[in-house]
Amino acid sequence: MTAQPQPLASATPERVVGTVQDARWSERIRASGLRVTSRRLALMAALEAHPHATVDEAFADTKARVGNITKQAVYVSLGEFTAHGLVRRIDPPGSPARYETRTDDNHHHLVCDRCGDIVDVDCAVGAAPCLQPIDDAGFQVRLAEVTYRGTCRACQDAEVNASAHSRKAKPLTSQ
């Protein structure tokens, strides 16, 4: 049985800040020009705990941490966090939008076509090579996204096991 985060229904930002990570988010939120609130800190903690979270996942975790919050408030905060560079929104094909707190580097994503798992992968070439297209058509490029698609190790292993199981269980034929 896993322990659930305890609601902080009457929390103030000072009561939520209890770890170095919380203090870091407090500083980053304030530096971005946004007000530090217990709900915003709880949402950042939820995103930190669940990299590549959907809105539903972020909402559920945040609600468990602070109790009283609406999904609309989570949408609004995620929009503000994205606009202020605190989180990054990624839109994998065939999946709802996802949010991550890793915004300070040039990294890409591996996406499993079977289970939808998403994994961060550092840029294969070095520091921000993708930000300089051959022809920028007059754009000032600020972000380049690369998504590698394939099958994760767990899904590959499951396929091998299912295949082995089906070979063992040959149907009986009547004579």
C-alpha atoms as a PDB file:
ATOM      1  CA  MET A   1       0.000   0.000   0.000  1.00  0.00           C
ATOM      2  CA  THR A   2       1.526   3.299  -1.093  1.00  0.00           C
ATOM      3  CA  ALA A   3       1.292   6.397   1.067  1.00  0.00           C
ATOM      4  CA  GLN A   4      -0.804   9.195  -0.406  1.00  0.00           C
ATOM      5  CA  PRO A   5       0.270  12.838  -0.052  1.00  0.00           C
ATOM      6  CA  GLN A   6      -1.563  14.413   2.860  1.00  0.00           C
ATOM      7  CA  PRO A   7      -3.910  17.299   2.009  1.00  0.00           C
ATOM      8  CA  LEU A   8      -2.789  20.704   3.200  1.00  0.00           C
ATOM      9  CA  ALA A   9      -6.246  22.294   3.165  1.00  0.00           C
ATOM     10  CA  SER A  10      -5.355  25.350   5.227  1.00  0.00           C
ATOM     11  CA  ALA A  11      -1.777  25.602   4.039  1.00  0.00           C
ATOM     12  CA  THR A  12      -0.017  28.863   3.429  1.00  0.00           C
ATOM     13  CA  PRO A  13       2.997  28.989   1.092  1.00  0.00           C
ATOM     14  CA  GLU A  14       5.284  29.040   4.113  1.00  0.00           C
ATOM     15  CA  ARG A  15       3.695  25.838   5.482  1.00  0.00           C
ATOM     16  CA  VAL A  16       3.996  24.062   2.120  1.00  0.00           C
ATOM     17  CA  VAL A  17       7.656  24.964   1.697  1.00  0.00           C
ATOM     18  CA  GLY A  18       9.382  22.228   3.588  1.00  0.00           C
ATOM     19  CA  THR A  19      12.073  20.944   1.280  1.00  0.00           C
ATOM     20  CA  VAL A  20      14.918  22.399  -0.685  1.00  0.00           C
ATOM     21  CA  GLN A  21      12.957  21.626  -3.854  1.00  0.00           C
ATOM     22  CA  ASP A  22       9.904  23.535  -2.568  1.00  0.00           C
ATOM     23  CA  ALA A  23      12.122  26.501  -1.704  1.00  0.00           C
ATOM     24  CA  ARG A  24      13.632  26.377  -5.191  1.00  0.00           C
ATOM     25  CA  TRP A  25      10.173  26.412  -6.791  1.00  0.00           C
ATOM     26  CA  SER A  26       9.142  29.239  -4.502  1.00  0.00           C
ATOM     27  CA  GLU A  27      12.102  31.293  -5.716  1.00  0.00           C
ATOM     28  CA  ARG A  28      11.490  30.446  -9.390  1.00  0.00           C
ATOM     29  CA  ILE A  29       7.767  31.247  -9.197  1.00  0.00           C
ATOM     30  CA  ARG A  30       8.497  34.585  -7.507  1.00  0.00           C
ATOM     31  CA  ALA A  31      11.302  35.412  -9.977  1.00  0.00           C
ATOM     32  CA  SER A  32       8.925  34.774 -12.891  1.00  0.00           C
ATOM     33  CA  GLY A  33       6.630  37.496 -11.576  1.00  0.00           C
ATOM     34  CA  LEU A  34       3.934  35.167 -10.278  1.00  0.00           C
ATOM     35  CA  ARG A  35       2.653  35.055  -6.722  1.00  0.00           C
ATOM     36  CA  VAL A  36       3.757  32.078  -4.621  1.00  0.00           C
ATOM     37  CA  THR A  37       0.739  30.160  -3.315  1.00  0.00           C
ATOM     38  CA  SER A  38       0.321  26.769  -1.695  1.00  0.00           C
ATOM     39  CA  ARG A  39      -1.608  25.550  -4.741  1.00  0.00           C
ATOM     40  CA  ARG A  40       1.110  26.633  -7.153  1.00  0.00           C
ATOM     41  CA  LEU A  41       3.774  24.967  -5.022  1.00  0.00           C
ATOM     42  CA  ALA A  42       1.667  21.807  -4.808  1.00  0.00           C
ATOM     43  CA  LEU A  43       1.208  21.785  -8.589  1.00  0.00           C
ATOM     44  CA  MET A  44       4.953  22.189  -9.153  1.00  0.00           C
ATOM     45  CA  ALA A  45       5.586  19.347  -6.675  1.00  0.00           C
ATOM     46  CA  ALA A  46       3.061  17.198  -8.568  1.00  0.00           C
ATOM     47  CA  LEU A  47       4.793  17.908 -11.874  1.00  0.00           C
ATOM     48  CA  GLU A  48       8.167  17.164 -10.315  1.00  0.00           C
ATOM     49  CA  ALA A  49       6.843  13.856  -8.940  1.00  0.00           C
ATOM     50  CA  HIS A  50       5.242  12.896 -12.274  1.00  0.00           C
ATOM     51  CA  PRO A  51       7.390  13.976 -15.223  1.00  0.00           C
ATOM     52  CA  HIS A  52       5.344  14.338 -18.425  1.00  0.00           C
ATOM     53  CA  ALA A  53       2.072  14.511 -16.477  1.00  0.00           C
ATOM     54  CA  THR A  54      -1.262  15.070 -18.167  1.00  0.00           C
ATOM     55  CA  VAL A  55      -3.619  17.692 -16.735  1.00  0.00           C
ATOM     56  CA  ASP A  56      -5.661  14.905 -15.126  1.00  0.00           C
ATOM     57  CA  GLU A  57      -2.571  13.425 -13.447  1.00  0.00           C
ATOM     58  CA  ALA A  58      -1.347  16.828 -12.270  1.00  0.00           C
ATOM     59  CA  PHE A  59      -4.823  17.674 -10.970  1.00  0.00           C
ATOM     60  CA  ALA A  60      -5.192  14.408  -9.018  1.00  0.00           C
ATOM     61  CA  ASP A  61      -1.784  14.737  -7.361  1.00  0.00           C
ATOM     62  CA  THR A  62      -2.239  18.440  -6.596  1.00  0.00           C
ATOM     63  CA  LYS A  63      -5.707  17.816  -5.120  1.00  0.00           C
ATOM     64  CA  ALA A  64      -4.219  15.113  -2.868  1.00  0.00           C
ATOM     65  CA  ARG A  65      -1.629  17.615  -1.673  1.00  0.00           C
ATOM     66  CA  VAL A  66      -3.822  20.686  -1.044  1.00  0.00           C
ATOM     67  CA  GLY A  67      -7.361  19.384  -0.980  1.00  0.00           C
ATOM     68  CA  ASN A  68      -9.404  22.237  -2.369  1.00  0.00           C
ATOM     69  CA  ILE A  69      -8.492  22.942  -6.019  1.00  0.00           C
ATOM     70  CA  THR A  70     -10.411  22.773  -9.276  1.00  0.00           C
ATOM     71  CA  LYS A  71      -9.241  21.322 -12.561  1.00  0.00           C
ATOM     72  CA  GLN A  72      -9.827  24.766 -14.097  1.00  0.00           C
ATOM     73  CA  ALA A  73      -7.344  26.266 -11.605  1.00  0.00           C
ATOM     74  CA  VAL A  74      -4.796  23.646 -12.672  1.00  0.00           C
ATOM     75  CA  TYR A  75      -5.345  24.539 -16.351  1.00  0.00           C
ATOM     76  CA  VAL A  76      -4.922  28.242 -15.573  1.00  0.00           C
ATOM     77  CA  SER A  77      -1.756  27.668 -13.524  1.00  0.00           C
ATOM     78  CA  LEU A  78      -0.249  25.385 -16.169  1.00  0.00           C
ATOM     79  CA  GLY A  79      -0.901  28.073 -18.775  1.00  0.00           C
ATOM     80  CA  GLU A  80       0.773  30.692 -16.584  1.00  0.00           C
ATOM     81  CA  PHE A  81       3.695  28.384 -15.773  1.00  0.00           C
ATOM     82  CA  THR A  82       4.189  27.630 -19.475  1.00  0.00           C
ATOM     83  CA  ALA A  83       4.004  31.317 -20.451  1.00  0.00           C
ATOM     84  CA  HIS A  84       6.577  32.194 -17.769  1.00  0.00           C
ATOM     85  CA  GLY A  85       8.955  29.347 -18.675  1.00  0.00           C
ATOM     86  CA  LEU A  86       8.479  27.371 -15.458  1.00  0.00           C
ATOM     87  CA  VAL A  87       7.129  24.306 -17.254  1.00  0.00           C
ATOM     88  CA  ARG A  88       7.217  23.008 -20.777  1.00  0.00           C
ATOM     89  CA  ARG A  89       4.153  21.692 -22.585  1.00  0.00           C
ATOM     90  CA  ILE A  90       4.708  18.772 -24.910  1.00  0.00           C
ATOM     91  CA  ASP A  91       2.089  17.448 -27.315  1.00  0.00           C
ATOM     92  CA  PRO A  92       2.890  13.857 -28.287  1.00  0.00           C
ATOM     93  CA  PRO A  93       0.809  12.654 -31.243  1.00  0.00           C
ATOM     94  CA  GLY A  94      -2.238  10.691 -30.117  1.00  0.00           C
ATOM     95  CA  SER A  95      -1.861  11.790 -26.503  1.00  0.00           C
ATOM     96  CA  PRO A  96      -3.202  14.625 -24.381  1.00  0.00           C
ATOM     97  CA  ALA A  97      -0.858  17.526 -23.657  1.00  0.00           C
ATOM     98  CA  ARG A  98       1.778  16.764 -21.060  1.00  0.00           C
ATOM     99  CA  TYR A  99       3.794  19.036 -18.816  1.00  0.00           C
ATOM    100  CA  GLU A 100       7.320  18.813 -17.468  1.00  0.00           C
ATOM    101  CA  THR A 101       9.528  20.922 -15.249  1.00  0.00           C
ATOM    102  CA  ARG A 102      12.747  20.225 -17.161  1.00  0.00           C
ATOM    103  CA  THR A 103      12.996  23.492 -19.076  1.00  0.00           C
ATOM    104  CA  ASP A 104      16.607  24.566 -18.655  1.00  0.00           C
ATOM    105  CA  ASP A 105      18.239  22.459 -21.349  1.00  0.00           C
ATOM    106  CA  ASN A 106      17.870  21.161 -24.869  1.00  0.00           C
ATOM    107  CA  HIS A 107      16.467  17.674 -24.480  1.00  0.00           C
ATOM    108  CA  HIS A 108      14.164  15.489 -26.510  1.00  0.00           C
ATOM    109  CA  HIS A 109      11.713  12.666 -25.844  1.00  0.00           C
ATOM    110  CA  LEU A 110      11.407   8.955 -26.527  1.00  0.00           C
ATOM    111  CA  VAL A 111       7.728   7.953 -26.828  1.00  0.00           C
ATOM    112  CA  CYS A 112       6.525   4.354 -26.787  1.00  0.00           C
ATOM    113  CA  ASP A 113       3.910   3.741 -29.485  1.00  0.00           C
ATOM    114  CA  ARG A 114       2.351   0.921 -27.460  1.00  0.00           C
ATOM    115  CA  CYS A 115       2.034   2.111 -23.852  1.00  0.00           C
ATOM    116  CA  GLY A 116       2.612   5.859 -24.308  1.00  0.00           C
ATOM    117  CA  ASP A 117       5.532   6.014 -21.871  1.00  0.00           C
ATOM    118  CA  ILE A 118       7.672   9.124 -22.349  1.00  0.00           C
ATOM    119  CA  VAL A 119      11.340   9.333 -21.429  1.00  0.00           C
ATOM    120  CA  ASP A 120      13.687  12.324 -21.566  1.00  0.00           C
ATOM    121  CA  VAL A 121      16.788  11.922 -23.680  1.00  0.00           C
ATOM    122  CA  ASP A 122      19.622  14.415 -23.905  1.00  0.00           C
ATOM    123  CA  CYS A 123      20.365  15.950 -27.258  1.00  0.00           C
ATOM    124  CA  ALA A 124      22.378  13.525 -29.352  1.00  0.00           C
ATOM    125  CA  VAL A 125      24.748  16.106 -30.803  1.00  0.00           C
ATOM    126  CA  GLY A 126      25.425  18.594 -28.033  1.00  0.00           C
ATOM    127  CA  ALA A 127      24.285  22.041 -26.987  1.00  0.00           C
ATOM    128  CA  ALA A 128      21.165  23.191 -28.824  1.00  0.00           C
ATOM    129  CA  PRO A 129      22.106  22.121 -32.353  1.00  0.00           C
ATOM    130  CA  CYS A 130      18.492  21.979 -33.460  1.00  0.00           C
ATOM    131  CA  LEU A 131      17.922  25.677 -32.872  1.00  0.00           C
ATOM    132  CA  GLN A 132      19.704  26.681 -36.083  1.00  0.00           C
ATOM    133  CA  PRO A 133      17.721  25.483 -39.125  1.00  0.00           C
ATOM    134  CA  ILE A 134      19.313  25.825 -42.548  1.00  0.00           C
ATOM    135  CA  ASP A 135      16.622  28.368 -43.488  1.00  0.00           C
ATOM    136  CA  ASP A 136      14.765  30.053 -40.636  1.00  0.00           C
ATOM    137  CA  ALA A 137      12.359  31.881 -43.014  1.00  0.00           C
ATOM    138  CA  GLY A 138      12.726  35.001 -40.883  1.00  0.00           C
ATOM    139  CA  PHE A 139      11.716  33.270 -37.654  1.00  0.00           C
ATOM    140  CA  GLN A 140      13.493  33.907 -34.388  1.00  0.00           C
ATOM    141  CA  VAL A 141      13.687  30.284 -33.187  1.00  0.00           C
ATOM    142  CA  ARG A 142      13.337  29.744 -29.432  1.00  0.00           C
ATOM    143  CA  LEU A 143      12.532  26.025 -29.258  1.00  0.00           C
ATOM    144  CA  ALA A 144      13.018  22.903 -31.325  1.00  0.00           C
ATOM    145  CA  GLU A 145      11.271  19.674 -30.421  1.00  0.00           C
ATOM    146  CA  VAL A 146      12.458  16.239 -31.460  1.00  0.00           C
ATOM    147  CA  THR A 147      10.392  13.185 -30.613  1.00  0.00           C
ATOM    148  CA  TYR A 148      11.756   9.708 -31.119  1.00  0.00           C
ATOM    149  CA  ARG A 149       8.980   7.113 -31.505  1.00  0.00           C
ATOM    150  CA  GLY A 150       9.323   3.392 -30.998  1.00  0.00           C
ATOM    151  CA  THR A 151       8.703   0.581 -28.539  1.00  0.00           C
ATOM    152  CA  CYS A 152       9.997   0.722 -24.966  1.00  0.00           C
ATOM    153  CA  ARG A 153      11.884  -2.178 -23.401  1.00  0.00           C
ATOM    154  CA  ALA A 154       8.908  -3.266 -21.244  1.00  0.00           C
ATOM    155  CA  CYS A 155       6.605  -3.506 -24.271  1.00  0.00           C
ATOM    156  CA  GLN A 156       9.290  -5.356 -26.265  1.00  0.00           C
ATOM    157  CA  ASP A 157       9.683  -7.848 -23.416  1.00  0.00           C
ATOM    158  CA  ALA A 158       5.902  -8.272 -23.117  1.00  0.00           C
ATOM    159  CA  GLU A 159       5.683  -8.981 -26.853  1.00  0.00           C
ATOM    160  CA  VAL A 160       8.451 -11.593 -26.663  1.00  0.00           C
ATOM    161  CA  ASN A 161       6.759 -13.249 -23.657  1.00  0.00           C
ATOM    162  CA  ALA A 162       3.338 -13.258 -25.361  1.00  0.00           C
ATOM    163  CA  SER A 163       4.855 -14.711 -28.491  1.00  0.00           C
ATOM    164  CA  ALA A 164       6.613 -17.452 -26.526  1.00  0.00           C
ATOM    165  CA  HIS A 165       3.385 -18.214 -24.628  1.00  0.00           C
ATOM    166  CA  SER A 166       1.332 -18.532 -27.833  1.00  0.00           C
ATOM    167  CA  ARG A 167       3.860 -20.979 -29.334  1.00  0.00           C
ATOM    168  CA  LYS A 168       3.571 -23.212 -26.241  1.00  0.00           C
ATOM    169  CA  ALA A 169      -0.225 -23.212 -26.272  1.00  0.00           C
ATOM    170  CA  LYS A 170      -0.936 -24.808 -29.640  1.00  0.00           C
ATOM    171  CA  PRO A 171      -4.577 -25.724 -30.167  1.00  0.00           C
ATOM    172  CA  LEU A 172      -5.560 -29.393 -30.177  1.00  0.00           C
ATOM    173  CA  THR A 173      -6.722 -30.698 -33.535  1.00  0.00           C
ATOM    174  CA  SER A 174      -9.484 -33.280 -33.850  1.00  0.00           C
ATOM    175  CA  GLN A 175      -8.821 -36.603 -35.600  1.00  0.00           C
END
